[in-house]
Every structure is written in structure tokens, then in C-alpha cells.
Protein backbone atom coordinates (compact mmCIF):
# COMPACT_ATOMS: atom_id res chain seq x y z
CA UNK A 1 -5.33 20.33 11.68
CA UNK A 2 -2.48 17.86 12.08
CA UNK A 3 -1.48 15.70 9.15
CA UNK A 4 1.14 13.18 8.12
CA UNK A 5 2.21 13.02 4.49
CA UNK A 6 2.75 9.41 3.41
CA UNK A 7 4.79 8.75 0.30
CA UNK A 8 4.32 5.25 -1.13
CA UNK A 9 6.30 3.35 -3.76
CA UNK A 10 9.75 4.23 -2.42
CA UNK A 11 10.93 0.98 -4.00
CA UNK A 12 10.64 2.45 -7.51
CA UNK A 13 12.40 5.81 -6.99
CA UNK A 14 16.03 6.61 -6.34
CA UNK A 15 17.58 6.76 -2.89
CA UNK A 16 18.20 10.51 -3.26
CA UNK A 17 14.48 11.13 -3.77
CA UNK A 18 13.58 8.90 -0.82
CA UNK A 19 16.06 10.76 1.38
CA UNK A 20 14.71 14.15 0.30
CA UNK A 21 11.10 13.14 0.93
CA UNK A 22 11.82 11.57 4.31
CA UNK A 23 13.51 14.76 5.55
CA UNK A 24 10.45 16.91 4.89
CA UNK A 25 8.40 17.82 7.97
CA UNK A 26 5.45 15.57 8.84
CA UNK A 27 6.47 12.98 6.23
CA UNK A 28 6.85 9.21 6.22
CA UNK A 29 8.06 7.20 3.24
CA UNK A 30 6.78 3.65 2.78
CA UNK A 31 6.49 0.80 0.32
CA UNK A 32 3.29 -1.22 0.57
CA UNK A 33 4.58 -3.65 -2.04
CA UNK A 34 7.75 -4.54 -0.10
CA UNK A 35 6.21 -3.75 3.33
CA UNK A 36 8.92 -1.19 4.16
CA UNK A 37 8.48 1.36 6.99
CA UNK A 38 4.90 0.31 7.76
CA UNK A 39 5.81 -0.07 11.43
CA UNK A 40 7.24 3.46 11.46
CA UNK A 41 4.05 4.79 9.84
CA UNK A 42 1.90 3.08 12.45
CA UNK A 43 4.03 4.44 15.31
CA UNK A 44 3.91 7.94 13.82
CA UNK A 45 0.12 7.79 13.50
CA UNK A 46 -0.22 6.74 17.15
CA UNK A 47 2.12 9.56 18.23
CA UNK A 48 0.34 12.21 16.18
CA UNK A 49 -3.09 11.15 17.48
CA UNK A 50 -1.82 10.99 21.07
CA UNK A 51 -2.93 7.39 21.59
CA UNK A 52 -1.58 5.06 24.28
CA UNK A 53 -2.24 1.41 25.08
CA UNK A 54 -3.17 0.51 28.64
CA UNK A 55 -2.99 -3.13 29.70
CA UNK A 56 -5.27 -3.99 32.60
CA UNK A 57 -4.97 -6.90 34.99
CA UNK A 58 -6.75 -8.29 38.00
CA UNK A 59 -4.84 -7.83 41.25
CA UNK A 60 -2.24 -10.56 41.77
CA UNK A 61 -2.38 -11.81 38.17
CA UNK A 62 -0.34 -11.23 35.03
CA UNK A 63 -1.54 -8.58 32.55
CA UNK A 64 -3.32 -9.64 29.37
CA UNK A 65 -1.14 -8.23 26.59
CA UNK A 66 -3.60 -9.37 23.92
CA UNK A 67 -6.43 -6.94 24.59
CA UNK A 68 -5.31 -3.40 25.51
CA UNK A 69 -7.53 -0.43 26.22
CA UNK A 70 -6.66 2.45 23.86
CA UNK A 71 -6.84 5.94 25.33
CA UNK A 72 -6.22 9.36 23.82
CA UNK A 73 -4.48 12.23 25.54
């Protein structure tokens, strides 16, 4: 089973610890308090789950980027 280890509160530990944790396999370091690396966590989750966004459009019109269809591999 695939997993991603998420380490929170990187804002209260030293940079050496953050560096060590971020280099471990399947790991993402974040800070919910300071909103650090949340975009990287979201991208990693999408990659690990094999999800893609598909934007549909009627022929001859511009695509609607507000409402994608989400598909898995």
C-alpha cells in the first residue's frame, strides 16, 4: 500500500531536522500554522494517487477551468 509521511510543525524544529526529514523517502514536511509546503503536499497526493484534471469544453468555445473532471489512472 502506498503512503506519504507528512511531518507537521516544521516551524518549531531546527533546519537540520527539517532537511533530514524531507530527504527521507515518501516524506513531505509542512507547517499548517504558517501554511508552508501545503501546495507541495497537495501535488504529491495527486501524484501518488494517479489523479489528473480534465477540462471539458463545447466545440468552438473556451474551456471552463472552474469545474474539472477528475480521473484516476
